[in-house]
C-alpha atoms as a PDB file:
ATOM      1  CA  ALA A   1      17.761 -12.535 -12.811  1.00  0.00           C
ATOM      2  CA  PRO A   2      18.757 -11.355 -16.133  1.00  0.00           C
ATOM      3  CA  ALA A   3      16.772  -8.017 -17.689  1.00  0.00           C
ATOM      4  CA  ASP A   4      14.779  -7.854 -21.158  1.00  0.00           C
ATOM      5  CA  LYS A   5      15.262  -5.212 -23.511  1.00  0.00           C
ATOM      6  CA  ASN A   6      13.746  -2.652 -21.465  1.00  0.00           C
ATOM      7  CA  GLY A   7      15.243  -3.768 -18.109  1.00  0.00           C
ATOM      8  CA  ALA A   8      12.871  -5.639 -16.625  1.00  0.00           C
ATOM      9  CA  PRO A   9      13.357  -8.977 -14.926  1.00  0.00           C
ATOM     10  CA  ALA A  10      13.283 -11.347 -17.539  1.00  0.00           C
ATOM     11  CA  GLY A  11      14.097 -14.600 -15.129  1.00  0.00           C
ATOM     12  CA  PRO A  12      14.571 -17.683 -14.652  1.00  0.00           C
ATOM     13  CA  PHE A  13      13.638 -16.928 -10.938  1.00  0.00           C
ATOM     14  CA  GLU A  14      14.897 -18.163  -7.740  1.00  0.00           C
ATOM     15  CA  LYS A  15      12.944 -18.710  -4.726  1.00  0.00           C
ATOM     16  CA  ARG A  16      14.696 -17.432  -1.608  1.00  0.00           C
ATOM     17  CA  GLY A  17      11.733 -17.988   0.879  1.00  0.00           C
ATOM     18  CA  PRO A  18       9.706 -15.173   2.757  1.00  0.00           C
ATOM     19  CA  VAL A  19      10.748 -11.842   3.289  1.00  0.00           C
ATOM     20  CA  THR A  20       8.739 -10.904   6.408  1.00  0.00           C
ATOM     21  CA  ASP A  21       7.653 -12.715   9.626  1.00  0.00           C
ATOM     22  CA  TYR A  22       5.122 -13.036  12.087  1.00  0.00           C
ATOM     23  CA  ASP A  23       6.880 -12.453  15.037  1.00  0.00           C
ATOM     24  CA  ALA A  24       5.206  -9.076  16.243  1.00  0.00           C
ATOM     25  CA  GLU A  25       1.711  -9.231  17.324  1.00  0.00           C
ATOM     26  CA  TRP A  26       0.819  -6.797  14.727  1.00  0.00           C
ATOM     27  CA  ARG A  27       1.506  -9.105  11.708  1.00  0.00           C
ATOM     28  CA  SER A  28       1.140 -11.917  13.705  1.00  0.00           C
ATOM     29  CA  LEU A  29      -1.917 -13.215  12.031  1.00  0.00           C
ATOM     30  CA  ARG A  30      -1.738 -12.637   7.974  1.00  0.00           C
ATOM     31  CA  HIS A  31       0.198  -9.856   5.901  1.00  0.00           C
ATOM     32  CA  ASP A  32      -0.377  -9.060   2.459  1.00  0.00           C
ATOM     33  CA  ASP A  33      -0.906  -6.213  -0.080  1.00  0.00           C
ATOM     34  CA  PRO A  34       2.684  -5.575  -0.996  1.00  0.00           C
ATOM     35  CA  ASN A  35       3.861  -2.409  -2.669  1.00  0.00           C
ATOM     36  CA  VAL A  36       7.674  -2.536  -3.659  1.00  0.00           C
ATOM     37  CA  VAL A  37       9.602   0.575  -4.359  1.00  0.00           C
ATOM     38  CA  VAL A  38      12.943   0.745  -5.478  1.00  0.00           C
ATOM     39  CA  THR A  39      15.149   4.019  -4.611  1.00  0.00           C
ATOM     40  CA  GLU A  40      18.719   4.477  -5.575  1.00  0.00           C
ATOM     41  CA  GLU A  41      20.084   3.045  -2.011  1.00  0.00           C
ATOM     42  CA  GLU A  42      17.075   0.686  -1.270  1.00  0.00           C
ATOM     43  CA  ILE A  43      14.518  -1.510  -1.601  1.00  0.00           C
ATOM     44  CA  LEU A  44      11.439  -1.005   0.253  1.00  0.00           C
ATOM     45  CA  LEU A  45       8.684  -3.395   0.666  1.00  0.00           C
ATOM     46  CA  PHE A  46       5.306  -1.642   2.114  1.00  0.00           C
ATOM     47  CA  PHE A  47       2.876  -4.712   3.431  1.00  0.00           C
ATOM     48  CA  LYS A  48      -0.381  -4.933   5.251  1.00  0.00           C
ATOM     49  CA  GLY A  49       0.183  -6.365   8.965  1.00  0.00           C
ATOM     50  CA  ILE A  50      -2.905  -7.897  10.763  1.00  0.00           C
ATOM     51  CA  GLY A  51      -3.097  -8.865  14.318  1.00  0.00           C
ATOM     52  CA  PRO A  52      -5.232  -9.706  16.878  1.00  0.00           C
ATOM     53  CA  GLY A  53      -8.591  -7.516  17.444  1.00  0.00           C
ATOM     54  CA  ASP A  54     -12.488  -7.931  16.279  1.00  0.00           C
ATOM     55  CA  THR A  55     -12.159  -4.559  14.204  1.00  0.00           C
ATOM     56  CA  HIS A  56     -10.443  -3.556  11.259  1.00  0.00           C
ATOM     57  CA  ALA A  57      -8.134  -1.378  13.249  1.00  0.00           C
ATOM     58  CA  ASN A  58      -5.957  -4.272  13.717  1.00  0.00           C
ATOM     59  CA  ARG A  59      -4.881  -3.687   9.981  1.00  0.00           C
ATOM     60  CA  VAL A  60      -1.937  -1.985   9.814  1.00  0.00           C
ATOM     61  CA  PHE A  61       1.200  -1.183   7.325  1.00  0.00           C
ATOM     62  CA  GLY A  62       4.883  -2.181   8.135  1.00  0.00           C
ATOM     63  CA  ILE A  63       8.069  -2.203   5.909  1.00  0.00           C
ATOM     64  CA  ALA A  64      10.745  -4.269   4.756  1.00  0.00           C
ATOM     65  CA  ARG A  65      13.715  -2.853   3.895  1.00  0.00           C
ATOM     66  CA  THR A  66      17.185  -4.196   2.504  1.00  0.00           C
ATOM     67  CA  SER A  67      20.338  -2.605   0.230  1.00  0.00           C
ATOM     68  CA  ILE A  68      19.867  -2.221  -3.678  1.00  0.00           C
ATOM     69  CA  ASP A  69      23.040  -4.286  -3.645  1.00  0.00           C
ATOM     70  CA  ARG A  70      20.872  -7.043  -1.897  1.00  0.00           C
ATOM     71  CA  PRO A  71      17.961  -7.963  -3.460  1.00  0.00           C
ATOM     72  CA  GLU A  72      17.577 -11.627  -1.868  1.00  0.00           C
ATOM     73  CA  GLY A  73      18.325  -9.817   1.382  1.00  0.00           C
ATOM     74  CA  PRO A  74      18.237 -10.125   4.316  1.00  0.00           C
ATOM     75  CA  TYR A  75      15.337  -7.656   4.804  1.00  0.00           C
ATOM     76  CA  LEU A  76      15.194  -5.479   8.085  1.00  0.00           C
ATOM     77  CA  ILE A  77      11.237  -5.530   9.146  1.00  0.00           C
ATOM     78  CA  SER A  78       9.662  -2.656  11.233  1.00  0.00           C
ATOM     79  CA  ARG A  79       9.713  -3.504  14.394  1.00  0.00           C
ATOM     80  CA  GLU A  80       5.729  -1.174  15.058  1.00  0.00           C
ATOM     81  CA  PRO A  81       3.779  -0.707  12.083  1.00  0.00           C
ATOM     82  CA  ILE A  82       4.829   2.622  10.265  1.00  0.00           C
ATOM     83  CA  LEU A  83       0.776   3.664   9.521  1.00  0.00           C
ATOM     84  CA  ARG A  84      -1.886   2.719  12.146  1.00  0.00           C
ATOM     85  CA  THR A  85      -5.551   4.333  11.988  1.00  0.00           C
ATOM     86  CA  ASP A  86      -8.641   3.893  14.222  1.00  0.00           C
ATOM     87  CA  ARG A  87     -10.376   2.767  10.511  1.00  0.00           C
ATOM     88  CA  GLY A  88      -7.460   0.282   9.904  1.00  0.00           C
ATOM     89  CA  VAL A  89      -5.703   0.319   6.615  1.00  0.00           C
ATOM     90  CA  GLU A  90      -4.894  -2.131   3.192  1.00  0.00           C
ATOM     91  CA  SER A  91      -3.537  -1.794   0.040  1.00  0.00           C
ATOM     92  CA  PRO A  92      -0.643   0.896   0.333  1.00  0.00           C
ATOM     93  CA  ARG A  93       0.254   2.854  -2.542  1.00  0.00           C
ATOM     94  CA  VAL A  94       3.627   4.403  -2.081  1.00  0.00           C
ATOM     95  CA  PHE A  95       5.441   6.522  -4.270  1.00  0.00           C
ATOM     96  CA  ARG A  96       7.853   9.544  -4.146  1.00  0.00           C
ATOM     97  CA  VAL A  97       7.675  13.068  -5.785  1.00  0.00           C
ATOM     98  CA  ASP A  98      11.415  14.801  -5.236  1.00  0.00           C
ATOM     99  CA  GLU A  99      12.009  14.329  -1.542  1.00  0.00           C
ATOM    100  CA  THR A 100       8.363  13.995  -0.230  1.00  0.00           C
ATOM    101  CA  TRP A 101       6.895  10.444  -0.148  1.00  0.00           C
ATOM    102  CA  HIS A 102       3.551   9.966  -0.313  1.00  0.00           C
ATOM    103  CA  MET A 103       0.778   7.065   0.331  1.00  0.00           C
ATOM    104  CA  PHE A 104      -2.496   6.007  -0.765  1.00  0.00           C
ATOM    105  CA  ALA A 105      -3.518   3.551   2.120  1.00  0.00           C
ATOM    106  CA  LEU A 106      -7.408   2.141   1.818  1.00  0.00           C
ATOM    107  CA  GLN A 107      -9.189   3.206   4.962  1.00  0.00           C
ATOM    108  CA  TYR A 108     -12.326   1.071   6.248  1.00  0.00           C
ATOM    109  CA  SER A 109     -15.184   2.900   7.223  1.00  0.00           C
ATOM    110  CA  LEU A 110     -16.306   3.580  10.763  1.00  0.00           C
ATOM    111  CA  PRO A 111     -19.913   2.575  12.379  1.00  0.00           C
ATOM    112  CA  THR A 112     -20.773   6.180  12.120  1.00  0.00           C
ATOM    113  CA  ASP A 113     -19.910   6.877   8.589  1.00  0.00           C
ATOM    114  CA  THR A 114     -22.108   7.660   6.127  1.00  0.00           C
ATOM    115  CA  LYS A 115     -19.706   6.258   3.463  1.00  0.00           C
ATOM    116  CA  PRO A 116     -17.866   2.995   3.001  1.00  0.00           C
ATOM    117  CA  ARG A 117     -14.315   2.235   2.407  1.00  0.00           C
ATOM    118  CA  ARG A 118     -12.366   5.348   0.732  1.00  0.00           C
ATOM    119  CA  TYR A 119      -8.596   5.612   0.431  1.00  0.00           C
ATOM    120  CA  GLY A 120      -6.664   8.209   1.992  1.00  0.00           C
ATOM    121  CA  HIS A 121      -3.795  10.329   0.978  1.00  0.00           C
ATOM    122  CA  PHE A 122      -0.654  10.324   3.655  1.00  0.00           C
ATOM    123  CA  ARG A 123       2.832  12.349   3.035  1.00  0.00           C
ATOM    124  CA  GLY A 124       6.220  11.750   4.885  1.00  0.00           C
ATOM    125  CA  GLN A 125       9.385  13.097   4.367  1.00  0.00           C
ATOM    126  CA  ASP A 126      10.678   9.676   4.491  1.00  0.00           C
ATOM    127  CA  PRO A 127       9.284   6.333   4.356  1.00  0.00           C
ATOM    128  CA  LEU A 128       8.444   5.631   8.157  1.00  0.00           C
ATOM    129  CA  HIS A 129       6.202   8.632   9.194  1.00  0.00           C
ATOM    130  CA  TRP A 130       3.201   9.774   7.688  1.00  0.00           C
ATOM    131  CA  THR A 131       0.916  12.299   8.027  1.00  0.00           C
ATOM    132  CA  LEU A 132      -2.817  12.370   7.003  1.00  0.00           C
ATOM    133  CA  VAL A 133      -3.351  14.956   4.313  1.00  0.00           C
ATOM    134  CA  ASN A 134      -6.501  14.005   2.763  1.00  0.00           C
ATOM    135  CA  ASP A 135      -8.985  11.338   4.315  1.00  0.00           C
ATOM    136  CA  GLU A 136     -11.152  10.876   1.283  1.00  0.00           C
ATOM    137  CA  VAL A 137      -9.448  11.463  -2.420  1.00  0.00           C
ATOM    138  CA  LEU A 138     -11.323   8.396  -3.821  1.00  0.00           C
ATOM    139  CA  ALA A 139     -14.673   7.326  -2.129  1.00  0.00           C
ATOM    140  CA  THR A 140     -18.207   6.755  -2.822  1.00  0.00           C
ATOM    141  CA  THR A 141     -21.247   7.143  -1.014  1.00  0.00           C
ATOM    142  CA  SER A 142     -23.257   4.311   0.369  1.00  0.00           C
ATOM    143  CA  ASP A 143     -26.940   5.443  -0.237  1.00  0.00           C
ATOM    144  CA  GLY A 144     -26.726   3.772  -4.147  1.00  0.00           C
ATOM    145  CA  PRO A 145     -25.515   0.311  -4.509  1.00  0.00           C
ATOM    146  CA  GLN A 146     -21.710   1.280  -4.660  1.00  0.00           C
ATOM    147  CA  HIS A 147     -19.535  -1.126  -2.724  1.00  0.00           C
ATOM    148  CA  GLY A 148     -16.894   1.639  -2.249  1.00  0.00           C
ATOM    149  CA  ALA A 149     -13.478   2.509  -3.757  1.00  0.00           C
ATOM    150  CA  ALA A 150     -12.083  -1.108  -4.739  1.00  0.00           C
ATOM    151  CA  ASP A 151      -8.388  -0.590  -5.999  1.00  0.00           C
ATOM    152  CA  MET A 152      -6.117   2.291  -7.246  1.00  0.00           C
ATOM    153  CA  CYS A 153      -2.560   1.638  -8.907  1.00  0.00           C
ATOM    154  CA  PRO A 154      -0.032   4.620  -9.678  1.00  0.00           C
ATOM    155  CA  LEU A 155       1.014   4.735 -13.482  1.00  0.00           C
ATOM    156  CA  TRP A 156       4.226   6.568 -13.846  1.00  0.00           C
ATOM    157  CA  THR A 157       8.120   6.329 -13.726  1.00  0.00           C
ATOM    158  CA  PRO A 158       9.259   6.595  -9.998  1.00  0.00           C
ATOM    159  CA  PHE A 159      10.773   9.437  -9.140  1.00  0.00           C
ATOM    160  CA  ASP A 160       9.951  12.017 -12.317  1.00  0.00           C
ATOM    161  CA  THR A 161       8.710  15.211 -10.850  1.00  0.00           C
ATOM    162  CA  GLN A 162       5.214  15.325 -12.846  1.00  0.00           C
ATOM    163  CA  ALA A 163       1.890  14.461 -10.998  1.00  0.00           C
ATOM    164  CA  PRO A 164       1.369  11.109 -11.042  1.00  0.00           C
ATOM    165  CA  LYS A 165      -1.460   9.610 -12.871  1.00  0.00           C
ATOM    166  CA  PHE A 166      -3.855   6.743 -11.001  1.00  0.00           C
ATOM    167  CA  ALA A 167      -5.814   4.028 -12.668  1.00  0.00           C
ATOM    168  CA  PHE A 168      -8.784   3.170 -10.435  1.00  0.00           C
ATOM    169  CA  GLY A 169     -12.139   1.199  -9.966  1.00  0.00           C
ATOM    170  CA  ASN A 170     -14.724   0.323  -8.012  1.00  0.00           C
ATOM    171  CA  LYS A 171     -17.324  -2.792  -7.620  1.00  0.00           C
ATOM    172  CA  LEU A 172     -20.999  -2.595  -7.297  1.00  0.00           C
ATOM    173  CA  ASP A 173     -22.985  -4.730  -4.565  1.00  0.00           C
ATOM    174  CA  ASP A 174     -24.089  -7.294  -6.740  1.00  0.00           C
ATOM    175  CA  GLY A 175     -20.378  -8.032  -8.169  1.00  0.00           C
ATOM    176  CA  SER A 176     -20.334  -5.731 -11.159  1.00  0.00           C
ATOM    177  CA  HIS A 177     -17.851  -3.367 -11.907  1.00  0.00           C
ATOM    178  CA  GLY A 178     -18.925   0.080 -11.200  1.00  0.00           C
ATOM    179  CA  ASN A 179     -16.860   3.329 -12.108  1.00  0.00           C
ATOM    180  CA  ALA A 180     -13.223   3.190 -13.234  1.00  0.00           C
ATOM    181  CA  GLY A 181     -11.077   5.833 -14.502  1.00  0.00           C
ATOM    182  CA  LEU A 182      -7.768   7.719 -14.892  1.00  0.00           C
END
């Protein structure tokens, strides 16, 4: 697609078909929550895959990637999840600062938790291997009417060396919005 004056795609857009498939059990029921990261060499599509199971642990992250020169694909899809936790994860928020990759992931609560959902911070030296750094970057307590962390969005130019800023918000049990900030 042609670019506008700021370099953003301006359309018209051409539908090419799906990037991911349902061929692996860990993503056989559903996949969503896309997060696209463009590097100097490739386009990375992080996504949530849902497979069979009766707990949130069946929600995992995968990645589909293609060369920067071929945005239409084909995309190589990870054979196995790139992140799986006992809590289950959704809403991958991925970015890179210098050579270190960071991911904020919304994690579900376990039955023994006193807090509902929370964003955890994971770090890696590449976009395929992740280590938990902080289990609770953004969370709320369950003894009030707050539902928990609803969403977080990075706000900055990728690959700069400044600390990223995030917009976040949550919802109250009555459906109204609770806290929001930057």
